[in-house]
Protein backbone atom coordinates (compact mmCIF):
# COMPACT_ATOMS: atom_id res chain seq x y z
CA MET A 1 1.80 -2.15 13.12
CA LYS A 2 4.82 -2.22 15.43
CA ILE A 3 8.09 -0.39 14.87
CA ASP A 4 10.86 -0.82 17.42
CA CYS A 5 8.32 -2.68 19.62
CA LYS A 6 6.00 0.36 19.69
CA ALA A 7 2.48 0.25 18.29
CA LEU A 8 1.85 2.66 15.43
CA ALA A 9 -1.78 3.29 14.46
CA TYR A 10 -2.38 3.97 10.78
CA THR A 11 -5.26 4.49 8.38
CA ALA A 12 -5.37 2.68 5.04
CA THR A 13 -7.25 4.46 2.25
CA ALA A 14 -8.04 2.83 -1.10
CA ASP A 15 -9.27 5.08 -3.90
CA SER A 16 -8.72 5.92 -7.55
CA LEU A 17 -7.84 8.99 -9.57
CA ASN A 18 -9.74 9.60 -12.78
CA ILE A 19 -7.53 10.40 -15.78
CA THR A 20 -9.03 12.63 -18.49
CA ASP A 21 -7.99 13.80 -21.91
CA ASP A 22 -7.83 17.45 -22.98
CA LYS A 23 -11.64 17.44 -23.51
CA ALA A 24 -12.32 16.14 -19.96
CA LYS A 25 -13.30 12.71 -21.31
CA SER A 26 -12.40 9.91 -18.90
CA ILE A 27 -9.66 7.74 -20.39
CA GLY A 28 -8.65 5.68 -17.36
CA ASN A 29 -8.16 5.38 -13.63
CA ILE A 30 -5.17 4.99 -11.35
CA PHE A 31 -5.95 2.92 -8.28
CA TYR A 32 -3.95 3.63 -5.13
CA ILE A 33 -3.67 2.68 -1.49
CA GLY A 34 -2.34 5.24 0.94
CA TYR A 35 -1.20 4.52 4.49
CA THR A 36 -1.26 7.56 6.79
CA VAL A 37 -0.25 8.13 10.39
CA LYS A 38 -1.22 11.11 12.52
CA SER A 39 2.07 12.50 13.71
CA ALA A 40 3.49 15.61 15.32
CA ARG A 41 6.22 15.59 12.67
CA LYS A 42 5.46 17.91 9.79
CA ALA A 43 7.81 16.36 7.23
CA ARG A 44 7.31 12.67 6.50
CA PRO A 45 8.82 10.66 3.69
CA SER A 46 6.62 9.34 0.88
CA THR A 47 7.12 6.22 -1.18
CA PHE A 48 5.54 5.66 -4.58
CA VAL A 49 5.47 2.12 -5.94
CA PHE A 50 4.37 1.28 -9.47
CA THR A 51 3.51 -2.28 -10.46
CA GLY A 52 3.77 -1.95 -14.22
CA GLY A 53 0.36 -3.57 -14.68
CA ALA A 54 0.83 -6.46 -12.26
CA ALA A 55 -1.53 -7.02 -9.34
CA SER A 56 -0.70 -4.63 -6.51
CA ALA A 57 -1.87 -7.10 -3.84
CA TYR A 58 1.56 -8.74 -3.85
CA LEU A 59 3.26 -5.42 -3.17
CA HIS A 60 0.94 -4.51 -0.30
CA MET A 61 0.46 -7.93 1.27
CA ALA A 62 3.84 -9.55 0.64
CA ALA A 63 6.44 -6.80 0.56
CA LEU A 64 5.65 -3.17 1.38
CA GLY A 65 2.38 -2.89 3.31
CA PRO A 66 2.21 -2.40 7.07
CA ARG A 67 0.93 -5.99 7.46
CA ARG A 68 2.45 -8.79 5.41
CA VAL A 69 1.48 -12.34 4.59
CA GLU A 70 4.33 -14.78 5.06
CA PHE A 71 5.07 -17.32 2.34
CA ALA A 72 6.79 -20.68 2.67
CA ASP A 73 9.73 -21.57 0.42
CA ASN A 74 7.33 -23.41 -1.92
CA GLY A 75 5.17 -20.27 -2.30
CA SER A 76 2.27 -21.41 -0.15
CA VAL A 77 0.76 -18.92 2.28
CA LEU A 78 1.51 -19.40 5.96
CA ALA A 79 -1.33 -18.81 8.42
CA THR A 80 0.11 -15.76 10.20
CA LEU A 81 0.32 -12.06 9.37
CA ARG A 82 3.38 -10.01 10.28
CA GLY A 83 3.28 -6.36 11.16
């Protein structure tokens, strides 16, 4: 990814958190993708994005992820990735 024309190396981690009831019975999972950067700064901002049940691929690949797919006005996917 480039910010202000400088390359920024990041690690993408995909995982899930198991949700349990009061008897430790699994009742669901929350899937997440985290993007991390090794940095000398101790305090870094965090952003949490919830999809409300919709596919998260559109959030990560079209809007908020470090690399984005570009779409034409008609909704078709262009061949290049930005980021």
